[in-house]
Amino acid sequence: MKNFEKLVRDGYIEKIRRKGEQVPHRQATDEEMRFYLARKIREEAKEVCKALMRAKEGSNMHPNAEVVEELGDVCDAIDEITAFCGISIDEIEESRKQKNATYGGFRGRWILNTI
């Protein structure tokens, strides 16, 4: 059995139990949770990157279906982080708007070659 030591969705342990497998697990302490949330958002962001690189126009399914699924996982991770840190979505949106007003977004597709 692999040693995962990773934050998993609430229903994941029960899903494994229904298969008849033993599931050693524990709940993260408040002190550990910040670390595990950081790992989770990094893991989910990497999955978005992989999905973006695999997305292909002309496939049988929606070309971005996997990207959509992985972005949903990122949104769930963000939701957990905001709840844990006591941050509101409004605070995030205000920060995003301020940064966009100061620096703009990414729709211009500008690539910085050197600095």
PDB file of N, CA and C in Angstrom:
ATOM      1  N   MET A   1       0.839  -1.179   0.000  1.00  0.00           N
ATOM      2  CA  MET A   1       0.000   0.000   0.000  1.00  0.00           C
ATOM      3  C   MET A   1       0.889   1.250   0.000  1.00  0.00           C
ATOM      4  N   LYS A   2       0.511   2.239  -0.808  1.00  0.00           N
ATOM      5  CA  LYS A   2       1.275   3.476  -0.909  1.00  0.00           C
ATOM      6  C   LYS A   2       1.001   4.388   0.289  1.00  0.00           C
ATOM      7  N   ASN A   3       2.008   5.143   0.674  1.00  0.00           N
ATOM      8  CA  ASN A   3       1.845   6.155   1.712  1.00  0.00           C
ATOM      9  C   ASN A   3       1.561   7.484   1.020  1.00  0.00           C
ATOM     10  N   PHE A   4       0.326   7.945   1.054  1.00  0.00           N
ATOM     11  CA  PHE A   4      -0.060   9.150   0.338  1.00  0.00           C
ATOM     12  C   PHE A   4       0.169  10.421   1.139  1.00  0.00           C
ATOM     13  N   GLU A   5      -0.313  10.454   2.372  1.00  0.00           N
ATOM     14  CA  GLU A   5      -0.225  11.667   3.188  1.00  0.00           C
ATOM     15  C   GLU A   5      -0.672  12.884   2.386  1.00  0.00           C
ATOM     16  N   LYS A   6      -1.877  12.804   1.824  1.00  0.00           N
ATOM     17  CA  LYS A   6      -2.388  13.943   1.070  1.00  0.00           C
ATOM     18  C   LYS A   6      -3.843  14.187   1.418  1.00  0.00           C
ATOM     19  N   LEU A   7      -4.242  15.412   1.249  1.00  0.00           N
ATOM     20  CA  LEU A   7      -5.617  15.826   1.498  1.00  0.00           C
ATOM     21  C   LEU A   7      -6.499  15.247   0.403  1.00  0.00           C
ATOM     22  N   VAL A   8      -7.567  14.566   0.791  1.00  0.00           N
ATOM     23  CA  VAL A   8      -8.482  13.969  -0.176  1.00  0.00           C
ATOM     24  C   VAL A   8      -9.898  14.465   0.092  1.00  0.00           C
ATOM     25  N   ARG A   9     -10.740  14.315  -0.906  1.00  0.00           N
ATOM     26  CA  ARG A   9     -12.139  14.724  -0.770  1.00  0.00           C
ATOM     27  C   ARG A   9     -12.827  13.915   0.320  1.00  0.00           C
ATOM     28  N   ASP A  10     -13.849  14.510   0.909  1.00  0.00           N
ATOM     29  CA  ASP A  10     -14.540  13.907   2.045  1.00  0.00           C
ATOM     30  C   ASP A  10     -15.074  12.502   1.762  1.00  0.00           C
ATOM     31  N   GLY A  11     -15.548  12.230   0.562  1.00  0.00           N
ATOM     32  CA  GLY A  11     -16.125  10.933   0.243  1.00  0.00           C
ATOM     33  C   GLY A  11     -15.135   9.887  -0.239  1.00  0.00           C
ATOM     34  N   TYR A  12     -13.881  10.242  -0.386  1.00  0.00           N
ATOM     35  CA  TYR A  12     -12.887   9.347  -0.972  1.00  0.00           C
ATOM     36  C   TYR A  12     -12.606   8.126  -0.096  1.00  0.00           C
ATOM     37  N   ILE A  13     -12.507   8.317   1.197  1.00  0.00           N
ATOM     38  CA  ILE A  13     -12.198   7.210   2.104  1.00  0.00           C
ATOM     39  C   ILE A  13     -13.325   6.183   2.095  1.00  0.00           C
ATOM     40  N   GLU A  14     -14.558   6.657   2.121  1.00  0.00           N
ATOM     41  CA  GLU A  14     -15.701   5.745   2.097  1.00  0.00           C
ATOM     42  C   GLU A  14     -15.760   4.973   0.783  1.00  0.00           C
ATOM     43  N   LYS A  15     -15.404   5.607  -0.305  1.00  0.00           N
ATOM     44  CA  LYS A  15     -15.380   4.947  -1.618  1.00  0.00           C
ATOM     45  C   LYS A  15     -14.412   3.767  -1.594  1.00  0.00           C
ATOM     46  N   ILE A  16     -13.249   3.958  -1.001  1.00  0.00           N
ATOM     47  CA  ILE A  16     -12.256   2.881  -0.908  1.00  0.00           C
ATOM     48  C   ILE A  16     -12.752   1.786   0.028  1.00  0.00           C
ATOM     49  N   ARG A  17     -13.388   2.163   1.138  1.00  0.00           N
ATOM     50  CA  ARG A  17     -13.927   1.172   2.084  1.00  0.00           C
ATOM     51  C   ARG A  17     -14.959   0.272   1.429  1.00  0.00           C
ATOM     52  N   ARG A  18     -15.794   0.859   0.566  1.00  0.00           N
ATOM     53  CA  ARG A  18     -16.833   0.064  -0.111  1.00  0.00           C
ATOM     54  C   ARG A  18     -16.230  -1.013  -1.000  1.00  0.00           C
ATOM     55  N   LYS A  19     -14.992  -0.839  -1.409  1.00  0.00           N
ATOM     56  CA  LYS A  19     -14.297  -1.854  -2.193  1.00  0.00           C
ATOM     57  C   LYS A  19     -13.723  -2.951  -1.295  1.00  0.00           C
ATOM     58  N   GLY A  20     -13.895  -2.794   0.022  1.00  0.00           N
ATOM     59  CA  GLY A  20     -13.400  -3.788   0.960  1.00  0.00           C
ATOM     60  C   GLY A  20     -11.956  -3.576   1.377  1.00  0.00           C
ATOM     61  N   GLU A  21     -11.395  -2.434   1.045  1.00  0.00           N
ATOM     62  CA  GLU A  21      -9.996  -2.159   1.374  1.00  0.00           C
ATOM     63  C   GLU A  21      -9.895  -1.413   2.705  1.00  0.00           C
ATOM     64  N   GLN A  22      -8.799  -1.663   3.401  1.00  0.00           N
ATOM     65  CA  GLN A  22      -8.488  -0.927   4.623  1.00  0.00           C
ATOM     66  C   GLN A  22      -8.014   0.469   4.228  1.00  0.00           C
ATOM     67  N   VAL A  23      -8.408   1.458   4.999  1.00  0.00           N
ATOM     68  CA  VAL A  23      -8.054   2.833   4.675  1.00  0.00           C
ATOM     69  C   VAL A  23      -7.484   3.528   5.908  1.00  0.00           C
ATOM     70  N   PRO A  24      -6.175   3.392   6.135  1.00  0.00           N
ATOM     71  CA  PRO A  24      -5.588   4.145   7.241  1.00  0.00           C
ATOM     72  C   PRO A  24      -5.707   5.646   6.921  1.00  0.00           C
ATOM     73  N   HIS A  25      -6.259   6.396   7.847  1.00  0.00           N
ATOM     74  CA  HIS A  25      -6.453   7.822   7.611  1.00  0.00           C
ATOM     75  C   HIS A  25      -6.518   8.564   8.940  1.00  0.00           C
ATOM     76  N   ARG A  26      -6.477   9.870   8.858  1.00  0.00           N
ATOM     77  CA  ARG A  26      -6.601  10.731  10.031  1.00  0.00           C
ATOM     78  C   ARG A  26      -7.054  12.098   9.553  1.00  0.00           C
ATOM     79  N   GLN A  27      -7.472  12.923  10.477  1.00  0.00           N
ATOM     80  CA  GLN A  27      -7.824  14.296  10.141  1.00  0.00           C
ATOM     81  C   GLN A  27      -6.626  15.193  10.394  1.00  0.00           C
ATOM     82  N   ALA A  28      -6.424  16.154   9.497  1.00  0.00           N
ATOM     83  CA  ALA A  28      -5.327  17.109   9.656  1.00  0.00           C
ATOM     84  C   ALA A  28      -5.635  18.051  10.817  1.00  0.00           C
ATOM     85  N   THR A  29      -4.598  18.410  11.534  1.00  0.00           N
ATOM     86  CA  THR A  29      -4.744  19.425  12.572  1.00  0.00           C
ATOM     87  C   THR A  29      -4.825  20.793  11.896  1.00  0.00           C
ATOM     88  N   ASP A  30      -5.225  21.794  12.642  1.00  0.00           N
ATOM     89  CA  ASP A  30      -5.243  23.156  12.101  1.00  0.00           C
ATOM     90  C   ASP A  30      -3.853  23.562  11.627  1.00  0.00           C
ATOM     91  N   GLU A  31      -2.841  23.178  12.388  1.00  0.00           N
ATOM     92  CA  GLU A  31      -1.469  23.526  12.018  1.00  0.00           C
ATOM     93  C   GLU A  31      -1.050  22.865  10.708  1.00  0.00           C
ATOM     94  N   GLU A  32      -1.475  21.621  10.489  1.00  0.00           N
ATOM     95  CA  GLU A  32      -1.118  20.891   9.273  1.00  0.00           C
ATOM     96  C   GLU A  32      -1.926  21.340   8.054  1.00  0.00           C
ATOM     97  N   MET A  33      -3.129  21.804   8.291  1.00  0.00           N
ATOM     98  CA  MET A  33      -4.050  22.074   7.191  1.00  0.00           C
ATOM     99  C   MET A  33      -3.495  23.088   6.190  1.00  0.00           C
ATOM    100  N   ARG A  34      -2.822  24.117   6.663  1.00  0.00           N
ATOM    101  CA  ARG A  34      -2.241  25.122   5.761  1.00  0.00           C
ATOM    102  C   ARG A  34      -1.258  24.442   4.786  1.00  0.00           C
ATOM    103  N   PHE A  35      -0.432  23.553   5.303  1.00  0.00           N
ATOM    104  CA  PHE A  35       0.527  22.807   4.482  1.00  0.00           C
ATOM    105  C   PHE A  35      -0.195  21.924   3.458  1.00  0.00           C
ATOM    106  N   TYR A  36      -1.203  21.172   3.906  1.00  0.00           N
ATOM    107  CA  TYR A  36      -1.901  20.264   3.003  1.00  0.00           C
ATOM    108  C   TYR A  36      -2.724  21.014   1.963  1.00  0.00           C
ATOM    109  N   LEU A  37      -3.276  22.168   2.325  1.00  0.00           N
ATOM    110  CA  LEU A  37      -3.988  22.982   1.341  1.00  0.00           C
ATOM    111  C   LEU A  37      -3.021  23.534   0.293  1.00  0.00           C
ATOM    112  N   ALA A  38      -1.830  23.930   0.713  1.00  0.00           N
ATOM    113  CA  ALA A  38      -0.821  24.420  -0.231  1.00  0.00           C
ATOM    114  C   ALA A  38      -0.445  23.310  -1.216  1.00  0.00           C
ATOM    115  N   ARG A  39      -0.264  22.101  -0.707  1.00  0.00           N
ATOM    116  CA  ARG A  39       0.053  20.972  -1.581  1.00  0.00           C
ATOM    117  C   ARG A  39      -1.096  20.676  -2.536  1.00  0.00           C
ATOM    118  N   LYS A  40      -2.327  20.766  -2.034  1.00  0.00           N
ATOM    119  CA  LYS A  40      -3.508  20.454  -2.854  1.00  0.00           C
ATOM    120  C   LYS A  40      -3.660  21.452  -4.002  1.00  0.00           C
ATOM    121  N   ILE A  41      -3.516  22.751  -3.723  1.00  0.00           N
ATOM    122  CA  ILE A  41      -3.688  23.739  -4.791  1.00  0.00           C
ATOM    123  C   ILE A  41      -2.580  23.585  -5.830  1.00  0.00           C
ATOM    124  N   ARG A  42      -1.377  23.254  -5.395  1.00  0.00           N
ATOM    125  CA  ARG A  42      -0.268  23.018  -6.337  1.00  0.00           C
ATOM    126  C   ARG A  42      -0.568  21.784  -7.195  1.00  0.00           C
ATOM    127  N   GLU A  43      -1.031  20.716  -6.561  1.00  0.00           N
ATOM    128  CA  GLU A  43      -1.372  19.487  -7.292  1.00  0.00           C
ATOM    129  C   GLU A  43      -2.452  19.757  -8.334  1.00  0.00           C
ATOM    130  N   GLU A  44      -3.506  20.467  -7.943  1.00  0.00           N
ATOM    131  CA  GLU A  44      -4.604  20.726  -8.870  1.00  0.00           C
ATOM    132  C   GLU A  44      -4.175  21.669  -9.987  1.00  0.00           C
ATOM    133  N   ALA A  45      -3.333  22.653  -9.688  1.00  0.00           N
ATOM    134  CA  ALA A  45      -2.831  23.561 -10.726  1.00  0.00           C
ATOM    135  C   ALA A  45      -1.991  22.793 -11.743  1.00  0.00           C
ATOM    136  N   LYS A  46      -1.195  21.842 -11.284  1.00  0.00           N
ATOM    137  CA  LYS A  46      -0.402  21.017 -12.203  1.00  0.00           C
ATOM    138  C   LYS A  46      -1.319  20.210 -13.127  1.00  0.00           C
ATOM    139  N   GLU A  47      -2.423  19.722 -12.582  1.00  0.00           N
ATOM    140  CA  GLU A  47      -3.375  18.965 -13.395  1.00  0.00           C
ATOM    141  C   GLU A  47      -4.011  19.848 -14.460  1.00  0.00           C
ATOM    142  N   VAL A  48      -4.282  21.114 -14.135  1.00  0.00           N
ATOM    143  CA  VAL A  48      -4.804  22.050 -15.136  1.00  0.00           C
ATOM    144  C   VAL A  48      -3.768  22.227 -16.244  1.00  0.00           C
ATOM    145  N   CYS A  49      -2.508  22.403 -15.876  1.00  0.00           N
ATOM    146  CA  CYS A  49      -1.440  22.565 -16.873  1.00  0.00           C
ATOM    147  C   CYS A  49      -1.371  21.369 -17.806  1.00  0.00           C
ATOM    148  N   LYS A  50      -1.412  20.177 -17.252  1.00  0.00           N
ATOM    149  CA  LYS A  50      -1.364  18.966 -18.078  1.00  0.00           C
ATOM    150  C   LYS A  50      -2.566  18.902 -19.013  1.00  0.00           C
ATOM    151  N   ALA A  51      -3.749  19.231 -18.487  1.00  0.00           N
ATOM    152  CA  ALA A  51      -4.964  19.192 -19.301  1.00  0.00           C
ATOM    153  C   ALA A  51      -4.894  20.216 -20.432  1.00  0.00           C
ATOM    154  N   LEU A  52      -4.379  21.398 -20.151  1.00  0.00           N
ATOM    155  CA  LEU A  52      -4.233  22.421 -21.195  1.00  0.00           C
ATOM    156  C   LEU A  52      -3.330  21.942 -22.323  1.00  0.00           C
ATOM    157  N   MET A  53      -2.272  21.264 -21.976  1.00  0.00           N
ATOM    158  CA  MET A  53      -1.324  20.789 -22.981  1.00  0.00           C
ATOM    159  C   MET A  53      -1.900  19.624 -23.796  1.00  0.00           C
ATOM    160  N   ARG A  54      -2.839  18.869 -23.202  1.00  0.00           N
ATOM    161  CA  ARG A  54      -3.450  17.735 -23.914  1.00  0.00           C
ATOM    162  C   ARG A  54      -4.675  18.142 -24.727  1.00  0.00           C
ATOM    163  N   ALA A  55      -5.296  19.277 -24.389  1.00  0.00           N
ATOM    164  CA  ALA A  55      -6.529  19.691 -25.065  1.00  0.00           C
ATOM    165  C   ALA A  55      -6.275  19.859 -26.555  1.00  0.00           C
ATOM    166  N   LYS A  56      -7.131  19.268 -27.333  1.00  0.00           N
ATOM    167  CA  LYS A  56      -6.967  19.316 -28.786  1.00  0.00           C
ATOM    168  C   LYS A  56      -8.296  19.671 -29.439  1.00  0.00           C
ATOM    169  N   GLU A  57      -8.228  20.582 -30.365  1.00  0.00           N
ATOM    170  CA  GLU A  57      -9.409  20.886 -31.172  1.00  0.00           C
ATOM    171  C   GLU A  57      -9.707  19.672 -32.060  1.00  0.00           C
ATOM    172  N   GLY A  58     -10.978  19.464 -32.348  1.00  0.00           N
ATOM    173  CA  GLY A  58     -11.346  18.387 -33.256  1.00  0.00           C
ATOM    174  C   GLY A  58     -11.478  17.027 -32.594  1.00  0.00           C
ATOM    175  N   SER A  59     -11.366  16.962 -31.260  1.00  0.00           N
ATOM    176  CA  SER A  59     -11.554  15.660 -30.608  1.00  0.00           C
ATOM    177  C   SER A  59     -13.045  15.362 -30.535  1.00  0.00           C
ATOM    178  N   ASN A  60     -13.391  14.124 -30.211  1.00  0.00           N
ATOM    179  CA  ASN A  60     -14.794  13.713 -30.155  1.00  0.00           C
ATOM    180  C   ASN A  60     -15.563  14.401 -29.042  1.00  0.00           C
ATOM    181  N   MET A  61     -14.870  14.686 -27.948  1.00  0.00           N
ATOM    182  CA  MET A  61     -15.538  15.371 -26.849  1.00  0.00           C
ATOM    183  C   MET A  61     -15.152  16.848 -26.885  1.00  0.00           C
ATOM    184  N   HIS A  62     -15.754  17.618 -26.021  1.00  0.00           N
ATOM    185  CA  HIS A  62     -15.421  19.039 -25.927  1.00  0.00           C
ATOM    186  C   HIS A  62     -13.911  19.148 -25.766  1.00  0.00           C
ATOM    187  N   PRO A  63     -13.229  19.956 -26.581  1.00  0.00           N
ATOM    188  CA  PRO A  63     -11.763  19.990 -26.532  1.00  0.00           C
ATOM    189  C   PRO A  63     -11.207  20.402 -25.168  1.00  0.00           C
ATOM    190  N   ASN A  64     -12.009  21.088 -24.396  1.00  0.00           N
ATOM    191  CA  ASN A  64     -11.539  21.546 -23.089  1.00  0.00           C
ATOM    192  C   ASN A  64     -12.241  20.852 -21.922  1.00  0.00           C
ATOM    193  N   ALA A  65     -12.864  19.704 -22.164  1.00  0.00           N
ATOM    194  CA  ALA A  65     -13.611  19.014 -21.110  1.00  0.00           C
ATOM    195  C   ALA A  65     -12.718  18.682 -19.919  1.00  0.00           C
ATOM    196  N   GLU A  66     -11.525  18.210 -20.178  1.00  0.00           N
ATOM    197  CA  GLU A  66     -10.611  17.874 -19.089  1.00  0.00           C
ATOM    198  C   GLU A  66     -10.153  19.136 -18.366  1.00  0.00           C
ATOM    199  N   VAL A  67      -9.944  20.220 -19.119  1.00  0.00           N
ATOM    200  CA  VAL A  67      -9.559  21.496 -18.507  1.00  0.00           C
ATOM    201  C   VAL A  67     -10.672  21.967 -17.572  1.00  0.00           C
ATOM    202  N   VAL A  68     -11.911  21.861 -18.029  1.00  0.00           N
ATOM    203  CA  VAL A  68     -13.063  22.256 -17.214  1.00  0.00           C
ATOM    204  C   VAL A  68     -13.089  21.458 -15.917  1.00  0.00           C
ATOM    205  N   GLU A  69     -12.909  20.150 -16.022  1.00  0.00           N
ATOM    206  CA  GLU A  69     -12.920  19.284 -14.839  1.00  0.00           C
ATOM    207  C   GLU A  69     -11.812  19.665 -13.862  1.00  0.00           C
ATOM    208  N   GLU A  70     -10.624  19.884 -14.375  1.00  0.00           N
ATOM    209  CA  GLU A  70      -9.491  20.221 -13.504  1.00  0.00           C
ATOM    210  C   GLU A  70      -9.649  21.621 -12.894  1.00  0.00           C
ATOM    211  N   LEU A  71     -10.192  22.561 -13.658  1.00  0.00           N
ATOM    212  CA  LEU A  71     -10.452  23.892 -13.088  1.00  0.00           C
ATOM    213  C   LEU A  71     -11.486  23.807 -11.972  1.00  0.00           C
ATOM    214  N   GLY A  72     -12.446  22.892 -12.095  1.00  0.00           N
ATOM    215  CA  GLY A  72     -13.409  22.663 -11.014  1.00  0.00           C
ATOM    216  C   GLY A  72     -12.703  22.223  -9.742  1.00  0.00           C
ATOM    217  N   ASP A  73     -11.702  21.356  -9.896  1.00  0.00           N
ATOM    218  CA  ASP A  73     -10.916  20.913  -8.738  1.00  0.00           C
ATOM    219  C   ASP A  73     -10.142  22.079  -8.124  1.00  0.00           C
ATOM    220  N   VAL A  74      -9.602  22.964  -8.977  1.00  0.00           N
ATOM    221  CA  VAL A  74      -8.901  24.155  -8.469  1.00  0.00           C
ATOM    222  C   VAL A  74      -9.883  25.033  -7.694  1.00  0.00           C
ATOM    223  N   CYS A  75     -11.082  25.212  -8.244  1.00  0.00           N
ATOM    224  CA  CYS A  75     -12.095  26.028  -7.550  1.00  0.00           C
ATOM    225  C   CYS A  75     -12.451  25.433  -6.196  1.00  0.00           C
ATOM    226  N   ASP A  76     -12.561  24.106  -6.124  1.00  0.00           N
ATOM    227  CA  ASP A  76     -12.830  23.460  -4.834  1.00  0.00           C
ATOM    228  C   ASP A  76     -11.688  23.699  -3.854  1.00  0.00           C
ATOM    229  N   ALA A  77     -10.456  23.611  -4.338  1.00  0.00           N
ATOM    230  CA  ALA A  77      -9.296  23.862  -3.472  1.00  0.00           C
ATOM    231  C   ALA A  77      -9.298  25.315  -2.996  1.00  0.00           C
ATOM    232  N   ILE A  78      -9.605  26.237  -3.896  1.00  0.00           N
ATOM    233  CA  ILE A  78      -9.677  27.645  -3.511  1.00  0.00           C
ATOM    234  C   ILE A  78     -10.774  27.854  -2.475  1.00  0.00           C
ATOM    235  N   ASP A  79     -11.909  27.213  -2.664  1.00  0.00           N
ATOM    236  CA  ASP A  79     -13.012  27.312  -1.709  1.00  0.00           C
ATOM    237  C   ASP A  79     -12.580  26.848  -0.313  1.00  0.00           C
ATOM    238  N   GLU A  80     -11.842  25.741  -0.252  1.00  0.00           N
ATOM    239  CA  GLU A  80     -11.353  25.242   1.040  1.00  0.00           C
ATOM    240  C   GLU A  80     -10.341  26.201   1.662  1.00  0.00           C
ATOM    241  N   ILE A  81      -9.476  26.771   0.826  1.00  0.00           N
ATOM    242  CA  ILE A  81      -8.474  27.711   1.334  1.00  0.00           C
ATOM    243  C   ILE A  81      -9.146  28.965   1.881  1.00  0.00           C
ATOM    244  N   THR A  82     -10.129  29.489   1.151  1.00  0.00           N
ATOM    245  CA  THR A  82     -10.810  30.694   1.632  1.00  0.00           C
ATOM    246  C   THR A  82     -11.538  30.422   2.947  1.00  0.00           C
ATOM    247  N   ALA A  83     -12.182  29.264   3.049  1.00  0.00           N
ATOM    248  CA  ALA A  83     -12.872  28.916   4.295  1.00  0.00           C
ATOM    249  C   ALA A  83     -11.887  28.778   5.448  1.00  0.00           C
ATOM    250  N   PHE A  84     -10.782  28.101   5.202  1.00  0.00           N
ATOM    251  CA  PHE A  84      -9.782  27.873   6.239  1.00  0.00           C
ATOM    252  C   PHE A  84      -9.166  29.191   6.712  1.00  0.00           C
ATOM    253  N   CYS A  85      -8.887  30.090   5.766  1.00  0.00           N
ATOM    254  CA  CYS A  85      -8.218  31.360   6.090  1.00  0.00           C
ATOM    255  C   CYS A  85      -9.186  32.476   6.461  1.00  0.00           C
ATOM    256  N   GLY A  86     -10.484  32.219   6.341  1.00  0.00           N
ATOM    257  CA  GLY A  86     -11.461  33.253   6.654  1.00  0.00           C
ATOM    258  C   GLY A  86     -11.452  34.390   5.646  1.00  0.00           C
ATOM    259  N   ILE A  87     -11.225  34.055   4.392  1.00  0.00           N
ATOM    260  CA  ILE A  87     -11.187  35.044   3.306  1.00  0.00           C
ATOM    261  C   ILE A  87     -12.480  34.916   2.504  1.00  0.00           C
ATOM    262  N   SER A  88     -13.061  36.058   2.148  1.00  0.00           N
ATOM    263  CA  SER A  88     -14.288  36.012   1.357  1.00  0.00           C
ATOM    264  C   SER A  88     -13.963  36.084  -0.132  1.00  0.00           C
ATOM    265  N   ILE A  89     -14.875  35.570  -0.926  1.00  0.00           N
ATOM    266  CA  ILE A  89     -14.739  35.656  -2.376  1.00  0.00           C
ATOM    267  C   ILE A  89     -14.726  37.123  -2.800  1.00  0.00           C
ATOM    268  N   ASP A  90     -15.486  37.959  -2.097  1.00  0.00           N
ATOM    269  CA  ASP A  90     -15.494  39.391  -2.401  1.00  0.00           C
ATOM    270  C   ASP A  90     -14.105  40.002  -2.233  1.00  0.00           C
ATOM    271  N   GLU A  91     -13.369  39.581  -1.199  1.00  0.00           N
ATOM    272  CA  GLU A  91     -11.999  40.079  -0.998  1.00  0.00           C
ATOM    273  C   GLU A  91     -11.099  39.678  -2.160  1.00  0.00           C
ATOM    274  N   ILE A  92     -11.247  38.451  -2.607  1.00  0.00           N
ATOM    275  CA  ILE A  92     -10.441  37.967  -3.730  1.00  0.00           C
ATOM    276  C   ILE A  92     -10.792  38.741  -4.994  1.00  0.00           C
ATOM    277  N   GLU A  93     -12.084  38.930  -5.212  1.00  0.00           N
ATOM    278  CA  GLU A  93     -12.522  39.644  -6.406  1.00  0.00           C
ATOM    279  C   GLU A  93     -12.029  41.094  -6.391  1.00  0.00           C
ATOM    280  N   GLU A  94     -12.060  41.740  -5.246  1.00  0.00           N
ATOM    281  CA  GLU A  94     -11.559  43.112  -5.135  1.00  0.00           C
ATOM    282  C   GLU A  94     -10.059  43.169  -5.431  1.00  0.00           C
ATOM    283  N   SER A  95      -9.304  42.220  -4.912  1.00  0.00           N
ATOM    284  CA  SER A  95      -7.872  42.154  -5.177  1.00  0.00           C
ATOM    285  C   SER A  95      -7.609  41.935  -6.665  1.00  0.00           C
ATOM    286  N   ARG A  96      -8.382  41.055  -7.272  1.00  0.00           N
ATOM    287  CA  ARG A  96      -8.250  40.765  -8.699  1.00  0.00           C
ATOM    288  C   ARG A  96      -8.541  42.017  -9.531  1.00  0.00           C
ATOM    289  N   LYS A  97      -9.605  42.730  -9.174  1.00  0.00           N
ATOM    290  CA  LYS A  97      -9.968  43.955  -9.894  1.00  0.00           C
ATOM    291  C   LYS A  97      -8.882  45.016  -9.767  1.00  0.00           C
ATOM    292  N   GLN A  98      -8.321  45.163  -8.577  1.00  0.00           N
ATOM    293  CA  GLN A  98      -7.252  46.149  -8.377  1.00  0.00           C
ATOM    294  C   GLN A  98      -6.028  45.813  -9.226  1.00  0.00           C
ATOM    295  N   LYS A  99      -5.663  44.540  -9.246  1.00  0.00           N
ATOM    296  CA  LYS A  99      -4.507  44.130 -10.037  1.00  0.00           C
ATOM    297  C   LYS A  99      -4.767  44.342 -11.526  1.00  0.00           C
ATOM    298  N   ASN A 100      -5.983  44.040 -11.971  1.00  0.00           N
ATOM    299  CA  ASN A 100      -6.337  44.264 -13.366  1.00  0.00           C
ATOM    300  C   ASN A 100      -6.338  45.744 -13.721  1.00  0.00           C
ATOM    301  N   ALA A 101      -6.803  46.571 -12.799  1.00  0.00           N
ATOM    302  CA  ALA A 101      -6.806  48.016 -13.050  1.00  0.00           C
ATOM    303  C   ALA A 101      -5.382  48.547 -13.137  1.00  0.00           C
ATOM    304  N   THR A 102      -4.481  47.982 -12.351  1.00  0.00           N
ATOM    305  CA  THR A 102      -3.090  48.445 -12.330  1.00  0.00           C
ATOM    306  C   THR A 102      -2.276  47.867 -13.477  1.00  0.00           C
ATOM    307  N   TYR A 103      -2.396  46.563 -13.709  1.00  0.00           N
ATOM    308  CA  TYR A 103      -1.523  45.880 -14.669  1.00  0.00           C
ATOM    309  C   TYR A 103      -2.245  45.313 -15.886  1.00  0.00           C
ATOM    310  N   GLY A 104      -3.550  45.227 -15.826  1.00  0.00           N
ATOM    311  CA  GLY A 104      -4.300  44.598 -16.908  1.00  0.00           C
ATOM    312  C   GLY A 104      -4.411  43.095 -16.688  1.00  0.00           C
ATOM    313  N   GLY A 105      -5.026  42.434 -17.662  1.00  0.00           N
ATOM    314  CA  GLY A 105      -5.199  40.984 -17.586  1.00  0.00           C
ATOM    315  C   GLY A 105      -4.193  40.281 -18.489  1.00  0.00           C
ATOM    316  N   PHE A 106      -4.619  39.159 -19.047  1.00  0.00           N
ATOM    317  CA  PHE A 106      -3.745  38.357 -19.906  1.00  0.00           C
ATOM    318  C   PHE A 106      -4.299  38.207 -21.317  1.00  0.00           C
ATOM    319  N   ARG A 107      -5.371  38.894 -21.629  1.00  0.00           N
ATOM    320  CA  ARG A 107      -6.019  38.731 -22.937  1.00  0.00           C
ATOM    321  C   ARG A 107      -5.187  39.276 -24.082  1.00  0.00           C
ATOM    322  N   GLY A 108      -4.244  40.173 -23.784  1.00  0.00           N
ATOM    323  CA  GLY A 108      -3.367  40.699 -24.822  1.00  0.00           C
ATOM    324  C   GLY A 108      -2.328  39.691 -25.289  1.00  0.00           C
ATOM    325  N   ARG A 109      -2.168  38.611 -24.534  1.00  0.00           N
ATOM    326  CA  ARG A 109      -1.243  37.512 -24.879  1.00  0.00           C
ATOM    327  C   ARG A 109       0.209  37.977 -24.975  1.00  0.00           C
ATOM    328  N   TRP A 110       0.589  38.950 -24.195  1.00  0.00           N
ATOM    329  CA  TRP A 110       1.955  39.463 -24.233  1.00  0.00           C
ATOM    330  C   TRP A 110       2.924  38.494 -23.583  1.00  0.00           C
ATOM    331  N   ILE A 111       4.045  38.258 -24.256  1.00  0.00           N
ATOM    332  CA  ILE A 111       5.102  37.394 -23.757  1.00  0.00           C
ATOM    333  C   ILE A 111       6.331  38.273 -23.529  1.00  0.00           C
ATOM    334  N   LEU A 112       6.853  38.292 -22.315  1.00  0.00           N
ATOM    335  CA  LEU A 112       8.052  39.057 -21.995  1.00  0.00           C
ATOM    336  C   LEU A 112       9.274  38.209 -22.323  1.00  0.00           C
ATOM    337  N   ASN A 113      10.096  38.672 -23.235  1.00  0.00           N
ATOM    338  CA  ASN A 113      11.256  37.909 -23.665  1.00  0.00           C
ATOM    339  C   ASN A 113      12.452  38.082 -22.750  1.00  0.00           C
ATOM    340  N   THR A 114      12.715  39.293 -22.340  1.00  0.00           N
ATOM    341  CA  THR A 114      13.842  39.558 -21.440  1.00  0.00           C
ATOM    342  C   THR A 114      13.428  40.642 -20.459  1.00  0.00           C
ATOM    343  N   ILE A 115      14.184  40.737 -19.402  1.00  0.00           N
ATOM    344  CA  ILE A 115      13.924  41.784 -18.409  1.00  0.00           C
ATOM    345  C   ILE A 115      15.229  42.388 -17.953  1.00  0.00           C
TER     346      ILE A 115
END
